[in-house]
Amino acid sequence: MPDVKDIESAVASLSADDLAVFRAWFAEFDAAQWGVEIEQDASAGRLDALADEAIEDLRAGRATDL
């Protein structure tokens, strides 16, 4: 398996068109990975304190509509 330096070198050598394709692919890949992490954190309860704080702020009038 290539290491990070190999990947950096390969990306740096891409043509402009291939780099655009890679960027689009990586943006989708990264978003999907982030979504998995958020789902795991939510399922494990690691976001509960933040949710509780937001609900408390809303009930106390310390929140505004976007």
PDB file of N, CA and C in Angstrom:
ATOM      1  N   MET A   1       0.852  -1.179   0.000  1.00  0.00           N
ATOM      2  CA  MET A   1       0.000   0.000   0.000  1.00  0.00           C
ATOM      3  C   MET A   1       0.896   1.240   0.000  1.00  0.00           C
ATOM      4  N   PRO A   2       0.568   2.227  -0.818  1.00  0.00           N
ATOM      5  CA  PRO A   2       1.399   3.442  -0.856  1.00  0.00           C
ATOM      6  C   PRO A   2       1.270   4.224   0.451  1.00  0.00           C
ATOM      7  N   ASP A   3       2.328   4.924   0.798  1.00  0.00           N
ATOM      8  CA  ASP A   3       2.254   5.776   1.983  1.00  0.00           C
ATOM      9  C   ASP A   3       1.813   7.180   1.562  1.00  0.00           C
ATOM     10  N   VAL A   4       1.672   8.056   2.528  1.00  0.00           N
ATOM     11  CA  VAL A   4       1.165   9.404   2.265  1.00  0.00           C
ATOM     12  C   VAL A   4       2.055  10.152   1.282  1.00  0.00           C
ATOM     13  N   LYS A   5       3.346  10.017   1.413  1.00  0.00           N
ATOM     14  CA  LYS A   5       4.267  10.707   0.491  1.00  0.00           C
ATOM     15  C   LYS A   5       4.041  10.246  -0.946  1.00  0.00           C
ATOM     16  N   ASP A   6       3.805   8.938  -1.147  1.00  0.00           N
ATOM     17  CA  ASP A   6       3.530   8.416  -2.484  1.00  0.00           C
ATOM     18  C   ASP A   6       2.241   9.020  -3.045  1.00  0.00           C
ATOM     19  N   ILE A   7       1.242   9.118  -2.200  1.00  0.00           N
ATOM     20  CA  ILE A   7      -0.048   9.671  -2.623  1.00  0.00           C
ATOM     21  C   ILE A   7       0.102  11.155  -2.950  1.00  0.00           C
ATOM     22  N   GLU A   8       0.827  11.884  -2.101  1.00  0.00           N
ATOM     23  CA  GLU A   8       1.062  13.309  -2.364  1.00  0.00           C
ATOM     24  C   GLU A   8       1.756  13.502  -3.707  1.00  0.00           C
ATOM     25  N   SER A   9       2.744  12.681  -3.966  1.00  0.00           N
ATOM     26  CA  SER A   9       3.479  12.773  -5.217  1.00  0.00           C
ATOM     27  C   SER A   9       2.574  12.471  -6.407  1.00  0.00           C
ATOM     28  N   ALA A  10       1.739  11.448  -6.268  1.00  0.00           N
ATOM     29  CA  ALA A  10       0.825  11.085  -7.355  1.00  0.00           C
ATOM     30  C   ALA A  10      -0.180  12.205  -7.614  1.00  0.00           C
ATOM     31  N   VAL A  11      -0.711  12.793  -6.564  1.00  0.00           N
ATOM     32  CA  VAL A  11      -1.674  13.889  -6.721  1.00  0.00           C
ATOM     33  C   VAL A  11      -1.000  15.089  -7.370  1.00  0.00           C
ATOM     34  N   ALA A  12       0.210  15.391  -6.939  1.00  0.00           N
ATOM     35  CA  ALA A  12       0.928  16.540  -7.491  1.00  0.00           C
ATOM     36  C   ALA A  12       1.220  16.377  -8.980  1.00  0.00           C
ATOM     37  N   SER A  13       1.281  15.151  -9.448  1.00  0.00           N
ATOM     38  CA  SER A  13       1.607  14.917 -10.856  1.00  0.00           C
ATOM     39  C   SER A  13       0.368  14.819 -11.753  1.00  0.00           C
ATOM     40  N   LEU A  14      -0.825  14.952 -11.187  1.00  0.00           N
ATOM     41  CA  LEU A  14      -2.051  14.863 -11.986  1.00  0.00           C
ATOM     42  C   LEU A  14      -2.182  16.067 -12.918  1.00  0.00           C
ATOM     43  N   SER A  15      -2.801  15.828 -14.066  1.00  0.00           N
ATOM     44  CA  SER A  15      -3.131  16.934 -14.957  1.00  0.00           C
ATOM     45  C   SER A  15      -4.253  17.757 -14.315  1.00  0.00           C
ATOM     46  N   ALA A  16      -4.497  18.931 -14.832  1.00  0.00           N
ATOM     47  CA  ALA A  16      -5.550  19.796 -14.290  1.00  0.00           C
ATOM     48  C   ALA A  16      -6.912  19.105 -14.340  1.00  0.00           C
ATOM     49  N   ASP A  17      -7.193  18.422 -15.444  1.00  0.00           N
ATOM     50  CA  ASP A  17      -8.483  17.724 -15.563  1.00  0.00           C
ATOM     51  C   ASP A  17      -8.588  16.580 -14.563  1.00  0.00           C
ATOM     52  N   ASP A  18      -7.524  15.787 -14.457  1.00  0.00           N
ATOM     53  CA  ASP A  18      -7.547  14.673 -13.508  1.00  0.00           C
ATOM     54  C   ASP A  18      -7.600  15.176 -12.070  1.00  0.00           C
ATOM     55  N   LEU A  19      -6.938  16.285 -11.797  1.00  0.00           N
ATOM     56  CA  LEU A  19      -6.987  16.854 -10.456  1.00  0.00           C
ATOM     57  C   LEU A  19      -8.408  17.296 -10.113  1.00  0.00           C
ATOM     58  N   ALA A  20      -9.115  17.860 -11.060  1.00  0.00           N
ATOM     59  CA  ALA A  20     -10.508  18.262 -10.832  1.00  0.00           C
ATOM     60  C   ALA A  20     -11.375  17.045 -10.520  1.00  0.00           C
ATOM     61  N   VAL A  21     -11.168  15.958 -11.255  1.00  0.00           N
ATOM     62  CA  VAL A  21     -11.916  14.723 -11.006  1.00  0.00           C
ATOM     63  C   VAL A  21     -11.574  14.179  -9.624  1.00  0.00           C
ATOM     64  N   PHE A  22     -10.289  14.183  -9.281  1.00  0.00           N
ATOM     65  CA  PHE A  22      -9.865  13.701  -7.965  1.00  0.00           C
ATOM     66  C   PHE A  22     -10.463  14.543  -6.852  1.00  0.00           C
ATOM     67  N   ARG A  23     -10.452  15.867  -7.012  1.00  0.00           N
ATOM     68  CA  ARG A  23     -11.020  16.748  -5.986  1.00  0.00           C
ATOM     69  C   ARG A  23     -12.494  16.423  -5.745  1.00  0.00           C
ATOM     70  N   ALA A  24     -13.236  16.260  -6.826  1.00  0.00           N
ATOM     71  CA  ALA A  24     -14.665  15.948  -6.686  1.00  0.00           C
ATOM     72  C   ALA A  24     -14.852  14.613  -5.975  1.00  0.00           C
ATOM     73  N   TRP A  25     -14.066  13.616  -6.373  1.00  0.00           N
ATOM     74  CA  TRP A  25     -14.168  12.300  -5.728  1.00  0.00           C
ATOM     75  C   TRP A  25     -13.814  12.417  -4.251  1.00  0.00           C
ATOM     76  N   PHE A  26     -12.714  13.124  -3.949  1.00  0.00           N
ATOM     77  CA  PHE A  26     -12.272  13.198  -2.563  1.00  0.00           C
ATOM     78  C   PHE A  26     -13.273  13.969  -1.705  1.00  0.00           C
ATOM     79  N   ALA A  27     -13.886  14.994  -2.236  1.00  0.00           N
ATOM     80  CA  ALA A  27     -14.895  15.747  -1.474  1.00  0.00           C
ATOM     81  C   ALA A  27     -16.049  14.830  -1.082  1.00  0.00           C
ATOM     82  N   GLU A  28     -16.512  14.004  -2.006  1.00  0.00           N
ATOM     83  CA  GLU A  28     -17.588  13.048  -1.705  1.00  0.00           C
ATOM     84  C   GLU A  28     -17.123  12.007  -0.695  1.00  0.00           C
ATOM     85  N   PHE A  29     -15.926  11.476  -0.892  1.00  0.00           N
ATOM     86  CA  PHE A  29     -15.360  10.482   0.012  1.00  0.00           C
ATOM     87  C   PHE A  29     -15.230  11.047   1.418  1.00  0.00           C
ATOM     88  N   ASP A  30     -14.682  12.243   1.537  1.00  0.00           N
ATOM     89  CA  ASP A  30     -14.471  12.877   2.829  1.00  0.00           C
ATOM     90  C   ASP A  30     -15.795  13.146   3.535  1.00  0.00           C
ATOM     91  N   ALA A  31     -16.781  13.620   2.789  1.00  0.00           N
ATOM     92  CA  ALA A  31     -18.100  13.888   3.380  1.00  0.00           C
ATOM     93  C   ALA A  31     -18.729  12.596   3.893  1.00  0.00           C
ATOM     94  N   ALA A  32     -18.585  11.531   3.138  1.00  0.00           N
ATOM     95  CA  ALA A  32     -19.147  10.242   3.566  1.00  0.00           C
ATOM     96  C   ALA A  32     -18.457   9.746   4.838  1.00  0.00           C
ATOM     97  N   GLN A  33     -17.142   9.883   4.902  1.00  0.00           N
ATOM     98  CA  GLN A  33     -16.403   9.461   6.093  1.00  0.00           C
ATOM     99  C   GLN A  33     -16.805  10.290   7.304  1.00  0.00           C
ATOM    100  N   TRP A  34     -16.968  11.597   7.094  1.00  0.00           N
ATOM    101  CA  TRP A  34     -17.375  12.479   8.183  1.00  0.00           C
ATOM    102  C   TRP A  34     -18.776  12.096   8.669  1.00  0.00           C
ATOM    103  N   GLY A  35     -19.650  11.766   7.724  1.00  0.00           N
ATOM    104  CA  GLY A  35     -20.998  11.344   8.097  1.00  0.00           C
ATOM    105  C   GLY A  35     -20.984  10.089   8.950  1.00  0.00           C
ATOM    106  N   VAL A  36     -20.132   9.149   8.608  1.00  0.00           N
ATOM    107  CA  VAL A  36     -20.000   7.917   9.396  1.00  0.00           C
ATOM    108  C   VAL A  36     -19.523   8.252  10.804  1.00  0.00           C
ATOM    109  N   GLU A  37     -18.541   9.124  10.924  1.00  0.00           N
ATOM    110  CA  GLU A  37     -18.017   9.504  12.237  1.00  0.00           C
ATOM    111  C   GLU A  37     -19.086  10.183  13.086  1.00  0.00           C
ATOM    112  N   ILE A  38     -19.843  11.087  12.479  1.00  0.00           N
ATOM    113  CA  ILE A  38     -20.909  11.780  13.220  1.00  0.00           C
ATOM    114  C   ILE A  38     -21.960  10.765  13.686  1.00  0.00           C
ATOM    115  N   GLU A  39     -22.333   9.852  12.806  1.00  0.00           N
ATOM    116  CA  GLU A  39     -23.323   8.827  13.161  1.00  0.00           C
ATOM    117  C   GLU A  39     -22.817   7.972  14.315  1.00  0.00           C
ATOM    118  N   GLN A  40     -21.560   7.590  14.279  1.00  0.00           N
ATOM    119  CA  GLN A  40     -20.988   6.789  15.364  1.00  0.00           C
ATOM    120  C   GLN A  40     -20.964   7.578  16.666  1.00  0.00           C
ATOM    121  N   ASP A  41     -20.575   8.853  16.586  1.00  0.00           N
ATOM    122  CA  ASP A  41     -20.556   9.693  17.785  1.00  0.00           C
ATOM    123  C   ASP A  41     -21.964   9.859  18.354  1.00  0.00           C
ATOM    124  N   ALA A  42     -22.941  10.067  17.495  1.00  0.00           N
ATOM    125  CA  ALA A  42     -24.323  10.229  17.954  1.00  0.00           C
ATOM    126  C   ALA A  42     -24.831   8.940  18.591  1.00  0.00           C
ATOM    127  N   SER A  43     -24.562   7.815  17.960  1.00  0.00           N
ATOM    128  CA  SER A  43     -25.009   6.529  18.495  1.00  0.00           C
ATOM    129  C   SER A  43     -24.358   6.219  19.835  1.00  0.00           C
ATOM    130  N   ALA A  44     -23.130   6.651  20.015  1.00  0.00           N
ATOM    131  CA  ALA A  44     -22.399   6.396  21.258  1.00  0.00           C
ATOM    132  C   ALA A  44     -22.742   7.413  22.350  1.00  0.00           C
ATOM    133  N   GLY A  45     -23.558   8.413  22.011  1.00  0.00           N
ATOM    134  CA  GLY A  45     -23.958   9.405  23.006  1.00  0.00           C
ATOM    135  C   GLY A  45     -22.963  10.526  23.207  1.00  0.00           C
ATOM    136  N   ARG A  46     -21.934  10.603  22.361  1.00  0.00           N
ATOM    137  CA  ARG A  46     -20.917  11.630  22.544  1.00  0.00           C
ATOM    138  C   ARG A  46     -21.416  13.037  22.197  1.00  0.00           C
ATOM    139  N   LEU A  47     -22.581  13.134  21.573  1.00  0.00           N
ATOM    140  CA  LEU A  47     -23.124  14.450  21.218  1.00  0.00           C
ATOM    141  C   LEU A  47     -24.271  14.870  22.140  1.00  0.00           C
ATOM    142  N   ASP A  48     -24.620  14.004  23.084  1.00  0.00           N
ATOM    143  CA  ASP A  48     -25.763  14.273  23.950  1.00  0.00           C
ATOM    144  C   ASP A  48     -25.601  15.565  24.747  1.00  0.00           C
ATOM    145  N   ALA A  49     -24.425  15.807  25.280  1.00  0.00           N
ATOM    146  CA  ALA A  49     -24.217  17.016  26.084  1.00  0.00           C
ATOM    147  C   ALA A  49     -24.408  18.267  25.234  1.00  0.00           C
ATOM    148  N   LEU A  50     -23.944  18.222  23.992  1.00  0.00           N
ATOM    149  CA  LEU A  50     -24.130  19.379  23.101  1.00  0.00           C
ATOM    150  C   LEU A  50     -25.608  19.593  22.790  1.00  0.00           C
ATOM    151  N   ALA A  51     -26.326  18.514  22.554  1.00  0.00           N
ATOM    152  CA  ALA A  51     -27.760  18.621  22.275  1.00  0.00           C
ATOM    153  C   ALA A  51     -28.500  19.171  23.487  1.00  0.00           C
ATOM    154  N   ASP A  52     -28.153  18.677  24.665  1.00  0.00           N
ATOM    155  CA  ASP A  52     -28.795  19.163  25.889  1.00  0.00           C
ATOM    156  C   ASP A  52     -28.536  20.655  26.087  1.00  0.00           C
ATOM    157  N   GLU A  53     -27.314  21.075  25.825  1.00  0.00           N
ATOM    158  CA  GLU A  53     -26.970  22.494  25.965  1.00  0.00           C
ATOM    159  C   GLU A  53     -27.761  23.347  24.971  1.00  0.00           C
ATOM    160  N   ALA A  54     -27.900  22.870  23.741  1.00  0.00           N
ATOM    161  CA  ALA A  54     -28.654  23.617  22.735  1.00  0.00           C
ATOM    162  C   ALA A  54     -30.125  23.726  23.112  1.00  0.00           C
ATOM    163  N   ILE A  55     -30.688  22.647  23.615  1.00  0.00           N
ATOM    164  CA  ILE A  55     -32.099  22.673  24.035  1.00  0.00           C
ATOM    165  C   ILE A  55     -32.279  23.631  25.206  1.00  0.00           C
ATOM    166  N   GLU A  56     -31.355  23.604  26.148  1.00  0.00           N
ATOM    167  CA  GLU A  56     -31.412  24.524  27.290  1.00  0.00           C
ATOM    168  C   GLU A  56     -31.339  25.982  26.820  1.00  0.00           C
ATOM    169  N   ASP A  57     -30.437  26.273  25.892  1.00  0.00           N
ATOM    170  CA  ASP A  57     -30.327  27.629  25.351  1.00  0.00           C
ATOM    171  C   ASP A  57     -31.608  28.048  24.646  1.00  0.00           C
ATOM    172  N   LEU A  58     -32.195  27.150  23.897  1.00  0.00           N
ATOM    173  CA  LEU A  58     -33.439  27.450  23.193  1.00  0.00           C
ATOM    174  C   LEU A  58     -34.550  27.767  24.184  1.00  0.00           C
ATOM    175  N   ARG A  59     -34.703  26.933  25.189  1.00  0.00           N
ATOM    176  CA  ARG A  59     -35.760  27.145  26.184  1.00  0.00           C
ATOM    177  C   ARG A  59     -35.545  28.425  26.995  1.00  0.00           C
ATOM    178  N   ALA A  60     -34.268  28.814  27.179  1.00  0.00           N
ATOM    179  CA  ALA A  60     -33.971  30.013  27.958  1.00  0.00           C
ATOM    180  C   ALA A  60     -33.987  31.275  27.103  1.00  0.00           C
ATOM    181  N   GLY A  61     -34.294  31.128  25.808  1.00  0.00           N
ATOM    182  CA  GLY A  61     -34.358  32.293  24.934  1.00  0.00           C
ATOM    183  C   GLY A  61     -33.003  32.783  24.466  1.00  0.00           C
ATOM    184  N   ARG A  62     -31.996  31.960  24.587  1.00  0.00           N
ATOM    185  CA  ARG A  62     -30.652  32.361  24.171  1.00  0.00           C
ATOM    186  C   ARG A  62     -30.311  31.882  22.753  1.00  0.00           C
ATOM    187  N   ALA A  63     -31.324  31.503  22.000  1.00  0.00           N
ATOM    188  CA  ALA A  63     -31.116  31.043  20.617  1.00  0.00           C
ATOM    189  C   ALA A  63     -31.914  31.913  19.678  1.00  0.00           C
ATOM    190  N   THR A  64     -31.423  32.084  18.476  1.00  0.00           N
ATOM    191  CA  THR A  64     -32.143  32.858  17.466  1.00  0.00           C
ATOM    192  C   THR A  64     -32.332  32.009  16.221  1.00  0.00           C
ATOM    193  N   ASP A  65     -33.384  32.306  15.473  1.00  0.00           N
ATOM    194  CA  ASP A  65     -33.621  31.612  14.212  1.00  0.00           C
ATOM    195  C   ASP A  65     -32.563  32.022  13.207  1.00  0.00           C
ATOM    196  N   LEU A  66     -32.201  31.084  12.377  1.00  0.00           N
ATOM    197  CA  LEU A  66     -31.235  31.392  11.312  1.00  0.00           C
ATOM    198  C   LEU A  66     -31.932  31.963  10.121  1.00  0.00           C
TER     199      LEU A  66
END
